[in-house]
PDB file of N, CA and C in Angstrom:
ATOM      1  N   UNK A   1       8.386 -53.995  42.415  1.00  0.00           N
ATOM      2  CA  UNK A   1       9.656 -54.661  42.579  1.00  0.00           C
ATOM      3  C   UNK A   1      10.717 -53.613  42.938  1.00  0.00           C
ATOM      4  N   UNK A   2      11.531 -53.861  43.948  1.00  0.00           N
ATOM      5  CA  UNK A   2      12.552 -52.891  44.354  1.00  0.00           C
ATOM      6  C   UNK A   2      13.633 -52.695  43.291  1.00  0.00           C
ATOM      7  N   UNK A   3      14.116 -51.471  43.203  1.00  0.00           N
ATOM      8  CA  UNK A   3      15.197 -51.126  42.282  1.00  0.00           C
ATOM      9  C   UNK A   3      16.376 -50.618  43.093  1.00  0.00           C
ATOM     10  N   UNK A   4      17.522 -51.230  42.880  1.00  0.00           N
ATOM     11  CA  UNK A   4      18.740 -50.815  43.578  1.00  0.00           C
ATOM     12  C   UNK A   4      19.342 -49.635  42.826  1.00  0.00           C
ATOM     13  N   UNK A   5      19.462 -48.502  43.501  1.00  0.00           N
ATOM     14  CA  UNK A   5      19.983 -47.303  42.861  1.00  0.00           C
ATOM     15  C   UNK A   5      21.487 -47.175  42.991  1.00  0.00           C
ATOM     16  N   UNK A   6      21.989 -47.497  44.181  1.00  0.00           N
ATOM     17  CA  UNK A   6      23.408 -47.232  44.425  1.00  0.00           C
ATOM     18  C   UNK A   6      23.886 -48.052  45.606  1.00  0.00           C
ATOM     19  N   UNK A   7      25.034 -48.684  45.445  1.00  0.00           N
ATOM     20  CA  UNK A   7      25.698 -49.393  46.524  1.00  0.00           C
ATOM     21  C   UNK A   7      26.492 -48.370  47.329  1.00  0.00           C
ATOM     22  N   UNK A   8      26.497 -48.496  48.631  1.00  0.00           N
ATOM     23  CA  UNK A   8      27.214 -47.535  49.472  1.00  0.00           C
ATOM     24  C   UNK A   8      28.623 -47.990  49.848  1.00  0.00           C
ATOM     25  N   UNK A   9      29.101 -49.052  49.218  1.00  0.00           N
ATOM     26  CA  UNK A   9      30.470 -49.505  49.480  1.00  0.00           C
ATOM     27  C   UNK A   9      31.445 -48.459  48.932  1.00  0.00           C
ATOM     28  N   UNK A  10      32.379 -48.035  49.745  1.00  0.00           N
ATOM     29  CA  UNK A  10      33.415 -47.052  49.408  1.00  0.00           C
ATOM     30  C   UNK A  10      32.854 -45.665  49.101  1.00  0.00           C
ATOM     31  N   UNK A  11      31.625 -45.390  49.485  1.00  0.00           N
ATOM     32  CA  UNK A  11      31.053 -44.064  49.294  1.00  0.00           C
ATOM     33  C   UNK A  11      31.355 -43.249  50.556  1.00  0.00           C
ATOM     34  N   UNK A  12      32.020 -42.086  50.421  1.00  0.00           N
ATOM     35  CA  UNK A  12      32.308 -41.270  51.601  1.00  0.00           C
ATOM     36  C   UNK A  12      31.014 -40.784  52.250  1.00  0.00           C
ATOM     37  N   UNK A  13      31.083 -40.531  53.554  1.00  0.00           N
ATOM     38  CA  UNK A  13      29.902 -40.095  54.290  1.00  0.00           C
ATOM     39  C   UNK A  13      29.324 -38.801  53.737  1.00  0.00           C
ATOM     40  N   UNK A  14      30.191 -37.868  53.327  1.00  0.00           N
ATOM     41  CA  UNK A  14      29.675 -36.601  52.822  1.00  0.00           C
ATOM     42  C   UNK A  14      28.889 -36.800  51.524  1.00  0.00           C
ATOM     43  N   UNK A  15      29.324 -37.726  50.691  1.00  0.00           N
ATOM     44  CA  UNK A  15      28.591 -37.997  49.443  1.00  0.00           C
ATOM     45  C   UNK A  15      27.244 -38.648  49.741  1.00  0.00           C
ATOM     46  N   UNK A  16      27.214 -39.605  50.654  1.00  0.00           N
ATOM     47  CA  UNK A  16      25.951 -40.239  51.022  1.00  0.00           C
ATOM     48  C   UNK A  16      24.982 -39.213  51.610  1.00  0.00           C
ATOM     49  N   UNK A  17      25.496 -38.309  52.441  1.00  0.00           N
ATOM     50  CA  UNK A  17      24.639 -37.256  53.009  1.00  0.00           C
ATOM     51  C   UNK A  17      24.094 -36.335  51.921  1.00  0.00           C
ATOM     52  N   UNK A  18      24.938 -35.997  50.943  1.00  0.00           N
ATOM     53  CA  UNK A  18      24.485 -35.143  49.844  1.00  0.00           C
ATOM     54  C   UNK A  18      23.412 -35.835  49.009  1.00  0.00           C
ATOM     55  N   UNK A  19      23.546 -37.141  48.808  1.00  0.00           N
ATOM     56  CA  UNK A  19      22.545 -37.882  48.030  1.00  0.00           C
ATOM     57  C   UNK A  19      21.231 -37.956  48.806  1.00  0.00           C
ATOM     58  N   UNK A  20      21.301 -38.187  50.108  1.00  0.00           N
ATOM     59  CA  UNK A  20      20.076 -38.184  50.921  1.00  0.00           C
ATOM     60  C   UNK A  20      19.375 -36.830  50.813  1.00  0.00           C
ATOM     61  N   UNK A  21      20.153 -35.757  50.931  1.00  0.00           N
ATOM     62  CA  UNK A  21      19.575 -34.411  50.834  1.00  0.00           C
ATOM     63  C   UNK A  21      18.974 -34.181  49.447  1.00  0.00           C
ATOM     64  N   UNK A  22      19.633 -34.658  48.404  1.00  0.00           N
ATOM     65  CA  UNK A  22      19.120 -34.527  47.040  1.00  0.00           C
ATOM     66  C   UNK A  22      17.780 -35.243  46.896  1.00  0.00           C
ATOM     67  N   UNK A  23      17.699 -36.468  47.391  1.00  0.00           N
ATOM     68  CA  UNK A  23      16.449 -37.221  47.307  1.00  0.00           C
ATOM     69  C   UNK A  23      15.342 -36.541  48.111  1.00  0.00           C
ATOM     70  N   UNK A  24      15.683 -36.041  49.289  1.00  0.00           N
ATOM     71  CA  UNK A  24      14.690 -35.352  50.108  1.00  0.00           C
ATOM     72  C   UNK A  24      14.199 -34.075  49.419  1.00  0.00           C
ATOM     73  N   UNK A  25      15.131 -33.337  48.839  1.00  0.00           N
ATOM     74  CA  UNK A  25      14.791 -32.084  48.163  1.00  0.00           C
ATOM     75  C   UNK A  25      13.845 -32.313  46.987  1.00  0.00           C
ATOM     76  N   UNK A  26      14.036 -33.410  46.269  1.00  0.00           N
ATOM     77  CA  UNK A  26      13.221 -33.690  45.085  1.00  0.00           C
ATOM     78  C   UNK A  26      12.061 -34.642  45.372  1.00  0.00           C
ATOM     79  N   UNK A  27      11.873 -34.991  46.620  1.00  0.00           N
ATOM     80  CA  UNK A  27      10.735 -35.827  46.997  1.00  0.00           C
ATOM     81  C   UNK A  27      10.799 -37.257  46.498  1.00  0.00           C
ATOM     82  N   UNK A  28      12.000 -37.778  46.354  1.00  0.00           N
ATOM     83  CA  UNK A  28      12.154 -39.175  45.927  1.00  0.00           C
ATOM     84  C   UNK A  28      11.855 -40.071  47.125  1.00  0.00           C
ATOM     85  N   UNK A  29      10.926 -41.015  46.928  1.00  0.00           N
ATOM     86  CA  UNK A  29      10.562 -41.943  47.999  1.00  0.00           C
ATOM     87  C   UNK A  29      11.528 -43.119  47.957  1.00  0.00           C
ATOM     88  N   UNK A  30      12.594 -43.009  48.695  1.00  0.00           N
ATOM     89  CA  UNK A  30      13.645 -44.029  48.702  1.00  0.00           C
ATOM     90  C   UNK A  30      13.732 -44.650  50.076  1.00  0.00           C
ATOM     91  N   UNK A  31      14.419 -45.743  50.158  1.00  0.00           N
ATOM     92  CA  UNK A  31      14.793 -46.292  51.452  1.00  0.00           C
ATOM     93  C   UNK A  31      16.237 -46.758  51.363  1.00  0.00           C
ATOM     94  N   UNK A  32      16.816 -46.908  52.520  1.00  0.00           N
ATOM     95  CA  UNK A  32      18.245 -47.214  52.603  1.00  0.00           C
ATOM     96  C   UNK A  32      18.435 -48.473  53.425  1.00  0.00           C
ATOM     97  N   UNK A  33      19.269 -49.367  52.923  1.00  0.00           N
ATOM     98  CA  UNK A  33      19.606 -50.557  53.703  1.00  0.00           C
ATOM     99  C   UNK A  33      20.942 -50.306  54.394  1.00  0.00           C
ATOM    100  N   UNK A  34      21.046 -50.647  55.665  1.00  0.00           N
ATOM    101  CA  UNK A  34      22.291 -50.394  56.406  1.00  0.00           C
ATOM    102  C   UNK A  34      23.360 -51.421  56.049  1.00  0.00           C
ATOM    103  N   UNK A  35      24.603 -51.079  56.291  1.00  0.00           N
ATOM    104  CA  UNK A  35      25.681 -52.051  56.061  1.00  0.00           C
ATOM    105  C   UNK A  35      25.612 -53.166  57.091  1.00  0.00           C
ATOM    106  N   UNK A  36      26.124 -54.330  56.714  1.00  0.00           N
ATOM    107  CA  UNK A  36      26.150 -55.444  57.661  1.00  0.00           C
ATOM    108  C   UNK A  36      27.255 -55.230  58.689  1.00  0.00           C
ATOM    109  N   UNK A  37      27.158 -55.946  59.755  1.00  0.00           N
ATOM    110  CA  UNK A  37      28.113 -55.794  60.849  1.00  0.00           C
ATOM    111  C   UNK A  37      29.534 -56.159  60.433  1.00  0.00           C
ATOM    112  N   UNK A  38      29.693 -57.156  59.559  1.00  0.00           N
ATOM    113  CA  UNK A  38      31.028 -57.625  59.202  1.00  0.00           C
ATOM    114  C   UNK A  38      31.489 -57.138  57.844  1.00  0.00           C
ATOM    115  N   UNK A  39      30.786 -56.204  57.243  1.00  0.00           N
ATOM    116  CA  UNK A  39      31.221 -55.622  55.987  1.00  0.00           C
ATOM    117  C   UNK A  39      30.937 -56.471  54.759  1.00  0.00           C
ATOM    118  N   UNK A  40      30.099 -57.492  54.896  1.00  0.00           N
ATOM    119  CA  UNK A  40      29.755 -58.317  53.738  1.00  0.00           C
ATOM    120  C   UNK A  40      28.853 -57.527  52.800  1.00  0.00           C
ATOM    121  N   UNK A  41      27.872 -56.860  53.362  1.00  0.00           N
ATOM    122  CA  UNK A  41      26.959 -56.016  52.588  1.00  0.00           C
ATOM    123  C   UNK A  41      27.147 -54.589  53.071  1.00  0.00           C
ATOM    124  N   UNK A  42      27.343 -53.657  52.146  1.00  0.00           N
ATOM    125  CA  UNK A  42      27.625 -52.283  52.545  1.00  0.00           C
ATOM    126  C   UNK A  42      26.406 -51.368  52.475  1.00  0.00           C
ATOM    127  N   UNK A  43      25.237 -51.907  52.244  1.00  0.00           N
ATOM    128  CA  UNK A  43      24.040 -51.087  52.212  1.00  0.00           C
ATOM    129  C   UNK A  43      23.872 -50.400  50.865  1.00  0.00           C
ATOM    130  N   UNK A  44      22.758 -49.694  50.734  1.00  0.00           N
ATOM    131  CA  UNK A  44      22.508 -49.006  49.483  1.00  0.00           C
ATOM    132  C   UNK A  44      21.222 -48.211  49.512  1.00  0.00           C
ATOM    133  N   UNK A  45      20.947 -47.505  48.423  1.00  0.00           N
ATOM    134  CA  UNK A  45      19.714 -46.756  48.232  1.00  0.00           C
ATOM    135  C   UNK A  45      18.813 -47.545  47.294  1.00  0.00           C
ATOM    136  N   UNK A  46      17.529 -47.599  47.632  1.00  0.00           N
ATOM    137  CA  UNK A  46      16.551 -48.366  46.881  1.00  0.00           C
ATOM    138  C   UNK A  46      15.267 -47.547  46.708  1.00  0.00           C
ATOM    139  N   UNK A  47      14.502 -47.871  45.669  1.00  0.00           N
ATOM    140  CA  UNK A  47      13.135 -47.359  45.500  1.00  0.00           C
ATOM    141  C   UNK A  47      12.247 -48.532  45.100  1.00  0.00           C
ATOM    142  N   UNK A  48      10.927 -48.324  45.221  1.00  0.00           N
ATOM    143  CA  UNK A  48       9.998 -49.424  44.959  1.00  0.00           C
ATOM    144  C   UNK A  48       9.466 -49.482  43.535  1.00  0.00           C
ATOM    145  N   UNK A  49       9.175 -48.356  42.910  1.00  0.00           N
ATOM    146  CA  UNK A  49       8.520 -48.455  41.603  1.00  0.00           C
ATOM    147  C   UNK A  49       9.411 -47.978  40.457  1.00  0.00           C
ATOM    148  N   UNK A  50       9.010 -48.330  39.243  1.00  0.00           N
ATOM    149  CA  UNK A  50       9.815 -48.070  38.050  1.00  0.00           C
ATOM    150  C   UNK A  50       9.978 -46.580  37.764  1.00  0.00           C
ATOM    151  N   UNK A  51       8.887 -45.822  37.869  1.00  0.00           N
ATOM    152  CA  UNK A  51       8.956 -44.386  37.573  1.00  0.00           C
ATOM    153  C   UNK A  51       9.865 -43.654  38.554  1.00  0.00           C
ATOM    154  N   UNK A  52       9.738 -44.012  39.811  1.00  0.00           N
ATOM    155  CA  UNK A  52      10.582 -43.390  40.842  1.00  0.00           C
ATOM    156  C   UNK A  52      12.052 -43.755  40.616  1.00  0.00           C
ATOM    157  N   UNK A  53      12.301 -44.977  40.188  1.00  0.00           N
ATOM    158  CA  UNK A  53      13.678 -45.420  39.923  1.00  0.00           C
ATOM    159  C   UNK A  53      14.281 -44.619  38.781  1.00  0.00           C
ATOM    160  N   UNK A  54      13.510 -44.413  37.721  1.00  0.00           N
ATOM    161  CA  UNK A  54      14.022 -43.650  36.580  1.00  0.00           C
ATOM    162  C   UNK A  54      14.323 -42.208  36.978  1.00  0.00           C
ATOM    163  N   UNK A  55      13.412 -41.596  37.727  1.00  0.00           N
ATOM    164  CA  UNK A  55      13.616 -40.214  38.179  1.00  0.00           C
ATOM    165  C   UNK A  55      14.843 -40.117  39.089  1.00  0.00           C
ATOM    166  N   UNK A  56      14.989 -41.071  39.999  1.00  0.00           N
ATOM    167  CA  UNK A  56      16.126 -41.060  40.926  1.00  0.00           C
ATOM    168  C   UNK A  56      17.438 -41.276  40.180  1.00  0.00           C
ATOM    169  N   UNK A  57      17.443 -42.141  39.177  1.00  0.00           N
ATOM    170  CA  UNK A  57      18.675 -42.383  38.413  1.00  0.00           C
ATOM    171  C   UNK A  57      19.106 -41.137  37.645  1.00  0.00           C
ATOM    172  N   UNK A  58      18.136 -40.410  37.090  1.00  0.00           N
ATOM    173  CA  UNK A  58      18.465 -39.162  36.386  1.00  0.00           C
ATOM    174  C   UNK A  58      19.086 -38.170  37.362  1.00  0.00           C
ATOM    175  N   UNK A  59      18.495 -38.044  38.547  1.00  0.00           N
ATOM    176  CA  UNK A  59      19.042 -37.138  39.567  1.00  0.00           C
ATOM    177  C   UNK A  59      20.447 -37.574  39.981  1.00  0.00           C
ATOM    178  N   UNK A  60      20.641 -38.879  40.177  1.00  0.00           N
ATOM    179  CA  UNK A  60      21.954 -39.393  40.581  1.00  0.00           C
ATOM    180  C   UNK A  60      23.011 -39.148  39.510  1.00  0.00           C
ATOM    181  N   UNK A  61      22.659 -39.359  38.261  1.00  0.00           N
ATOM    182  CA  UNK A  61      23.629 -39.134  37.182  1.00  0.00           C
ATOM    183  C   UNK A  61      24.079 -37.681  37.143  1.00  0.00           C
ATOM    184  N   UNK A  62      23.122 -36.763  37.254  1.00  0.00           N
ATOM    185  CA  UNK A  62      23.471 -35.343  37.235  1.00  0.00           C
ATOM    186  C   UNK A  62      24.306 -34.979  38.458  1.00  0.00           C
ATOM    187  N   UNK A  63      23.917 -35.485  39.630  1.00  0.00           N
ATOM    188  CA  UNK A  63      24.678 -35.214  40.854  1.00  0.00           C
ATOM    189  C   UNK A  63      26.104 -35.743  40.722  1.00  0.00           C
ATOM    190  N   UNK A  64      26.266 -36.973  40.225  1.00  0.00           N
ATOM    191  CA  UNK A  64      27.597 -37.561  40.135  1.00  0.00           C
ATOM    192  C   UNK A  64      28.464 -36.837  39.115  1.00  0.00           C
ATOM    193  N   UNK A  65      27.856 -36.343  38.052  1.00  0.00           N
ATOM    194  CA  UNK A  65      28.618 -35.556  37.078  1.00  0.00           C
ATOM    195  C   UNK A  65      29.121 -34.259  37.728  1.00  0.00           C
ATOM    196  N   UNK A  66      28.250 -33.597  38.495  1.00  0.00           N
ATOM    197  CA  UNK A  66      28.656 -32.360  39.177  1.00  0.00           C
ATOM    198  C   UNK A  66      29.718 -32.643  40.238  1.00  0.00           C
ATOM    199  N   UNK A  67      29.531 -33.724  40.986  1.00  0.00           N
ATOM    200  CA  UNK A  67      30.518 -34.060  42.024  1.00  0.00           C
ATOM    201  C   UNK A  67      31.869 -34.390  41.403  1.00  0.00           C
ATOM    202  N   UNK A  68      31.866 -35.114  40.297  1.00  0.00           N
ATOM    203  CA  UNK A  68      33.120 -35.437  39.623  1.00  0.00           C
ATOM    204  C   UNK A  68      33.833 -34.169  39.182  1.00  0.00           C
ATOM    205  N   UNK A  69      33.097 -33.218  38.639  1.00  0.00           N
ATOM    206  CA  UNK A  69      33.707 -31.949  38.228  1.00  0.00           C
ATOM    207  C   UNK A  69      34.284 -31.205  39.422  1.00  0.00           C
ATOM    208  N   UNK A  70      33.537 -31.170  40.536  1.00  0.00           N
ATOM    209  CA  UNK A  70      34.023 -30.504  41.758  1.00  0.00           C
ATOM    210  C   UNK A  70      35.287 -31.165  42.284  1.00  0.00           C
ATOM    211  N   UNK A  71      35.259 -32.496  42.353  1.00  0.00           N
ATOM    212  CA  UNK A  71      36.415 -33.226  42.866  1.00  0.00           C
ATOM    213  C   UNK A  71      37.636 -33.035  41.975  1.00  0.00           C
ATOM    214  N   UNK A  72      37.421 -33.019  40.674  1.00  0.00           N
ATOM    215  CA  UNK A  72      38.527 -32.812  39.740  1.00  0.00           C
ATOM    216  C   UNK A  72      39.127 -31.421  39.929  1.00  0.00           C
ATOM    217  N   UNK A  73      38.269 -30.404  40.072  1.00  0.00           N
ATOM    218  CA  UNK A  73      38.761 -29.038  40.285  1.00  0.00           C
ATOM    219  C   UNK A  73      39.541 -28.932  41.594  1.00  0.00           C
ATOM    220  N   UNK A  74      39.028 -29.564  42.657  1.00  0.00           N
ATOM    221  CA  UNK A  74      39.733 -29.544  43.937  1.00  0.00           C
ATOM    222  C   UNK A  74      41.092 -30.232  43.823  1.00  0.00           C
ATOM    223  N   UNK A  75      41.133 -31.364  43.130  1.00  0.00           N
ATOM    224  CA  UNK A  75      42.394 -32.084  42.954  1.00  0.00           C
ATOM    225  C   UNK A  75      43.393 -31.242  42.170  1.00  0.00           C
ATOM    226  N   UNK A  76      42.940 -30.613  41.101  1.00  0.00           N
ATOM    227  CA  UNK A  76      43.835 -29.784  40.298  1.00  0.00           C
ATOM    228  C   UNK A  76      44.341 -28.590  41.096  1.00  0.00           C
ATOM    229  N   UNK A  77      43.486 -28.014  41.951  1.00  0.00           N
ATOM    230  CA  UNK A  77      43.924 -26.910  42.805  1.00  0.00           C
ATOM    231  C   UNK A  77      44.976 -27.395  43.805  1.00  0.00           C
ATOM    232  N   UNK A  78      44.741 -28.570  44.408  1.00  0.00           N
ATOM    233  CA  UNK A  78      45.730 -29.130  45.339  1.00  0.00           C
ATOM    234  C   UNK A  78      47.026 -29.462  44.622  1.00  0.00           C
ATOM    235  N   UNK A  79      46.907 -29.958  43.396  1.00  0.00           N
ATOM    236  CA  UNK A  79      48.088 -30.279  42.608  1.00  0.00           C
ATOM    237  C   UNK A  79      48.875 -29.011  42.288  1.00  0.00           C
ATOM    238  N   UNK A  80      48.187 -27.930  41.966  1.00  0.00           N
ATOM    239  CA  UNK A  80      48.852 -26.658  41.666  1.00  0.00           C
ATOM    240  C   UNK A  80      49.563 -26.106  42.904  1.00  0.00           C
ATOM    241  N   UNK A  81      49.006 -26.365  44.087  1.00  0.00           N
ATOM    242  CA  UNK A  81      49.638 -25.907  45.331  1.00  0.00           C
ATOM    243  C   UNK A  81      50.734 -26.860  45.796  1.00  0.00           C
ATOM    244  N   UNK A  82      50.910 -27.984  45.098  1.00  0.00           N
ATOM    245  CA  UNK A  82      51.949 -28.943  45.472  1.00  0.00           C
ATOM    246  C   UNK A  82      51.560 -29.833  46.634  1.00  0.00           C
ATOM    247  N   UNK A  83      50.270 -30.078  46.814  1.00  0.00           N
ATOM    248  CA  UNK A  83      49.795 -30.873  47.949  1.00  0.00           C
ATOM    249  C   UNK A  83      49.527 -32.324  47.600  1.00  0.00           C
ATOM    250  N   UNK A  84      49.905 -32.764  46.410  1.00  0.00           N
ATOM    251  CA  UNK A  84      49.732 -34.171  46.033  1.00  0.00           C
ATOM    252  C   UNK A  84      51.027 -34.668  45.415  1.00  0.00           C
ATOM    253  N   UNK A  85      51.183 -35.970  45.402  1.00  0.00           N
ATOM    254  CA  UNK A  85      52.362 -36.555  44.785  1.00  0.00           C
ATOM    255  C   UNK A  85      53.300 -37.178  45.805  1.00  0.00           C
ATOM    256  N   UNK A  86      54.324 -37.817  45.272  1.00  0.00           N
ATOM    257  CA  UNK A  86      55.265 -38.556  46.109  1.00  0.00           C
ATOM    258  C   UNK A  86      56.004 -37.643  47.080  1.00  0.00           C
ATOM    259  N   UNK A  87      56.521 -36.526  46.592  1.00  0.00           N
ATOM    260  CA  UNK A  87      57.335 -35.673  47.467  1.00  0.00           C
ATOM    261  C   UNK A  87      56.512 -35.029  48.563  1.00  0.00           C
ATOM    262  N   UNK A  88      55.270 -34.713  48.279  1.00  0.00           N
ATOM    263  CA  UNK A  88      54.400 -34.169  49.327  1.00  0.00           C
ATOM    264  C   UNK A  88      54.179 -35.236  50.404  1.00  0.00           C
ATOM    265  N   UNK A  89      53.914 -36.458  49.970  1.00  0.00           N
ATOM    266  CA  UNK A  89      53.715 -37.552  50.931  1.00  0.00           C
ATOM    267  C   UNK A  89      54.991 -37.801  51.726  1.00  0.00           C
ATOM    268  N   UNK A  90      56.145 -37.739  51.049  1.00  0.00           N
ATOM    269  CA  UNK A  90      57.420 -37.972  51.726  1.00  0.00           C
ATOM    270  C   UNK A  90      57.695 -36.889  52.774  1.00  0.00           C
ATOM    271  N   UNK A  91      57.376 -35.647  52.451  1.00  0.00           N
ATOM    272  CA  UNK A  91      57.581 -34.567  53.427  1.00  0.00           C
ATOM    273  C   UNK A  91      56.655 -34.710  54.629  1.00  0.00           C
ATOM    274  N   UNK A  92      55.440 -35.218  54.397  1.00  0.00           N
ATOM    275  CA  UNK A  92      54.485 -35.365  55.494  1.00  0.00           C
ATOM    276  C   UNK A  92      54.797 -36.571  56.370  1.00  0.00           C
ATOM    277  N   UNK A  93      55.187 -37.707  55.764  1.00  0.00           N
ATOM    278  CA  UNK A  93      55.410 -38.945  56.510  1.00  0.00           C
ATOM    279  C   UNK A  93      56.670 -39.643  56.015  1.00  0.00           C
ATOM    280  N   UNK A  94      57.845 -39.072  56.295  1.00  0.00           N
ATOM    281  CA  UNK A  94      59.074 -39.674  55.757  1.00  0.00           C
ATOM    282  C   UNK A  94      59.360 -41.064  56.318  1.00  0.00           C
ATOM    283  N   UNK A  95      59.084 -41.303  57.588  1.00  0.00           N
ATOM    284  CA  UNK A  95      59.384 -42.607  58.189  1.00  0.00           C
ATOM    285  C   UNK A  95      58.527 -43.692  57.544  1.00  0.00           C
ATOM    286  N   UNK A  96      57.267 -43.393  57.311  1.00  0.00           N
ATOM    287  CA  UNK A  96      56.367 -44.373  56.685  1.00  0.00           C
ATOM    288  C   UNK A  96      56.816 -44.703  55.271  1.00  0.00           C
ATOM    289  N   UNK A  97      57.203 -43.692  54.516  1.00  0.00           N
ATOM    290  CA  UNK A  97      57.633 -43.902  53.138  1.00  0.00           C
ATOM    291  C   UNK A  97      58.932 -44.717  53.112  1.00  0.00           C
ATOM    292  N   UNK A  98      59.877 -44.380  53.979  1.00  0.00           N
ATOM    293  CA  UNK A  98      61.149 -45.113  54.024  1.00  0.00           C
ATOM    294  C   UNK A  98      60.916 -46.561  54.450  1.00  0.00           C
ATOM    295  N   UNK A  99      60.041 -46.775  55.443  1.00  0.00           N
ATOM    296  CA  UNK A  99      59.740 -48.138  55.892  1.00  0.00           C
ATOM    297  C   UNK A  99      59.100 -48.949  54.762  1.00  0.00           C
ATOM    298  N   UNK A 100      58.204 -48.338  53.989  1.00  0.00           N
ATOM    299  CA  UNK A 100      57.572 -49.042  52.867  1.00  0.00           C
ATOM    300  C   UNK A 100      58.615 -49.403  51.816  1.00  0.00           C
ATOM    301  N   UNK A 101      59.529 -48.490  51.520  1.00  0.00           N
ATOM    302  CA  UNK A 101      60.582 -48.767  50.532  1.00  0.00           C
ATOM    303  C   UNK A 101      61.501 -49.884  51.007  1.00  0.00           C
ATOM    304  N   UNK A 102      61.855 -49.885  52.279  1.00  0.00           N
ATOM    305  CA  UNK A 102      62.695 -50.951  52.829  1.00  0.00           C
ATOM    306  C   UNK A 102      61.961 -52.286  52.745  1.00  0.00           C
ATOM    307  N   UNK A 103      60.666 -52.293  53.069  1.00  0.00           N
ATOM    308  CA  UNK A 103      59.878 -53.529  52.994  1.00  0.00           C
ATOM    309  C   UNK A 103      59.837 -54.049  51.566  1.00  0.00           C
ATOM    310  N   UNK A 104      59.692 -53.160  50.599  1.00  0.00           N
ATOM    311  CA  UNK A 104      59.678 -53.573  49.195  1.00  0.00           C
ATOM    312  C   UNK A 104      61.021 -54.189  48.810  1.00  0.00           C
ATOM    313  N   UNK A 105      62.105 -53.566  49.236  1.00  0.00           N
ATOM    314  CA  UNK A 105      63.434 -54.098  48.922  1.00  0.00           C
ATOM    315  C   UNK A 105      63.668 -55.459  49.560  1.00  0.00           C
ATOM    316  N   UNK A 106      63.212 -55.643  50.792  1.00  0.00           N
ATOM    317  CA  UNK A 106      63.370 -56.936  51.470  1.00  0.00           C
ATOM    318  C   UNK A 106      62.576 -58.014  50.740  1.00  0.00           C
ATOM    319  N   UNK A 107      61.353 -57.695  50.375  1.00  0.00           N
ATOM    320  CA  UNK A 107      60.524 -58.669  49.648  1.00  0.00           C
ATOM    321  C   UNK A 107      61.167 -59.022  48.310  1.00  0.00           C
ATOM    322  N   UNK A 108      61.669 -58.015  47.601  1.00  0.00           N
ATOM    323  CA  UNK A 108      62.355 -58.281  46.331  1.00  0.00           C
ATOM    324  C   UNK A 108      63.585 -59.152  46.536  1.00  0.00           C
ATOM    325  N   UNK A 109      64.341 -58.879  47.594  1.00  0.00           N
ATOM    326  CA  UNK A 109      65.545 -59.664  47.861  1.00  0.00           C
ATOM    327  C   UNK A 109      65.196 -61.127  48.114  1.00  0.00           C
ATOM    328  N   UNK A 110      64.172 -61.376  48.945  1.00  0.00           N
ATOM    329  CA  UNK A 110      63.769 -62.757  49.207  1.00  0.00           C
ATOM    330  C   UNK A 110      63.207 -63.424  47.957  1.00  0.00           C
ATOM    331  N   UNK A 111      62.510 -62.672  47.146  1.00  0.00           N
ATOM    332  CA  UNK A 111      61.924 -63.237  45.934  1.00  0.00           C
ATOM    333  C   UNK A 111      62.990 -63.588  44.907  1.00  0.00           C
ATOM    334  N   UNK A 112      63.978 -62.739  44.755  1.00  0.00           N
ATOM    335  CA  UNK A 112      64.997 -62.920  43.700  1.00  0.00           C
ATOM    336  C   UNK A 112      66.207 -63.723  44.167  1.00  0.00           C
ATOM    337  N   UNK A 113      66.357 -63.935  45.457  1.00  0.00           N
ATOM    338  CA  UNK A 113      67.521 -64.662  45.983  1.00  0.00           C
ATOM    339  C   UNK A 113      67.694 -66.048  45.373  1.00  0.00           C
ATOM    340  N   UNK A 114      66.657 -66.869  45.253  1.00  0.00           N
ATOM    341  CA  UNK A 114      66.868 -68.203  44.660  1.00  0.00           C
ATOM    342  C   UNK A 114      67.382 -68.131  43.209  1.00  0.00           C
ATOM    343  N   UNK A 115      66.978 -67.147  42.468  1.00  0.00           N
ATOM    344  CA  UNK A 115      67.420 -67.013  41.084  1.00  0.00           C
ATOM    345  C   UNK A 115      68.842 -66.490  40.987  1.00  0.00           C
ATOM    346  N   UNK A 116      69.281 -65.715  41.960  1.00  0.00           N
ATOM    347  CA  UNK A 116      70.628 -65.167  41.959  1.00  0.00           C
ATOM    348  C   UNK A 116      71.668 -66.281  42.190  1.00  0.00           C
ATOM    349  N   UNK A 117      71.273 -67.326  42.887  1.00  0.00           N
ATOM    350  CA  UNK A 117      72.196 -68.420  43.175  1.00  0.00           C
ATOM    351  C   UNK A 117      72.359 -69.396  42.012  1.00  0.00           C
ATOM    352  N   UNK A 118      71.446 -69.343  41.060  1.00  0.00           N
ATOM    353  CA  UNK A 118      71.518 -70.278  39.927  1.00  0.00           C
ATOM    354  C   UNK A 118      72.681 -70.002  39.019  1.00  0.00           C
ATOM    355  N   UNK A 119      73.077 -68.761  38.904  1.00  0.00           N
ATOM    356  CA  UNK A 119      74.115 -68.408  37.952  1.00  0.00           C
ATOM    357  C   UNK A 119      75.474 -68.563  38.462  1.00  0.00           C
TER     358      UNK A 119
END
């Protein structure tokens, strides 16, 4: 009976490539289902037997723990350099940020206008 190891929805390409390489390196006999044309099904990694599924899950858990640590360290380094946050985004794309703020204010105005007239 097939065992679903991992859904590929929202998985970055580099992570999927690393998982393929991990499975190849450890000789995991897996197969991959492709995503559907309209995004209903995003594909995934599968194996056929129970023992292979258990071995693959152990490998995936360890890989994901290491990747999480790497990503956290990279984020903290970017944060220390000032490359994340509102002001960094504002410096990079001021027109987009201002347009989003104006859109929020317009939506709030239309939403609250009927209540402002009651008083």
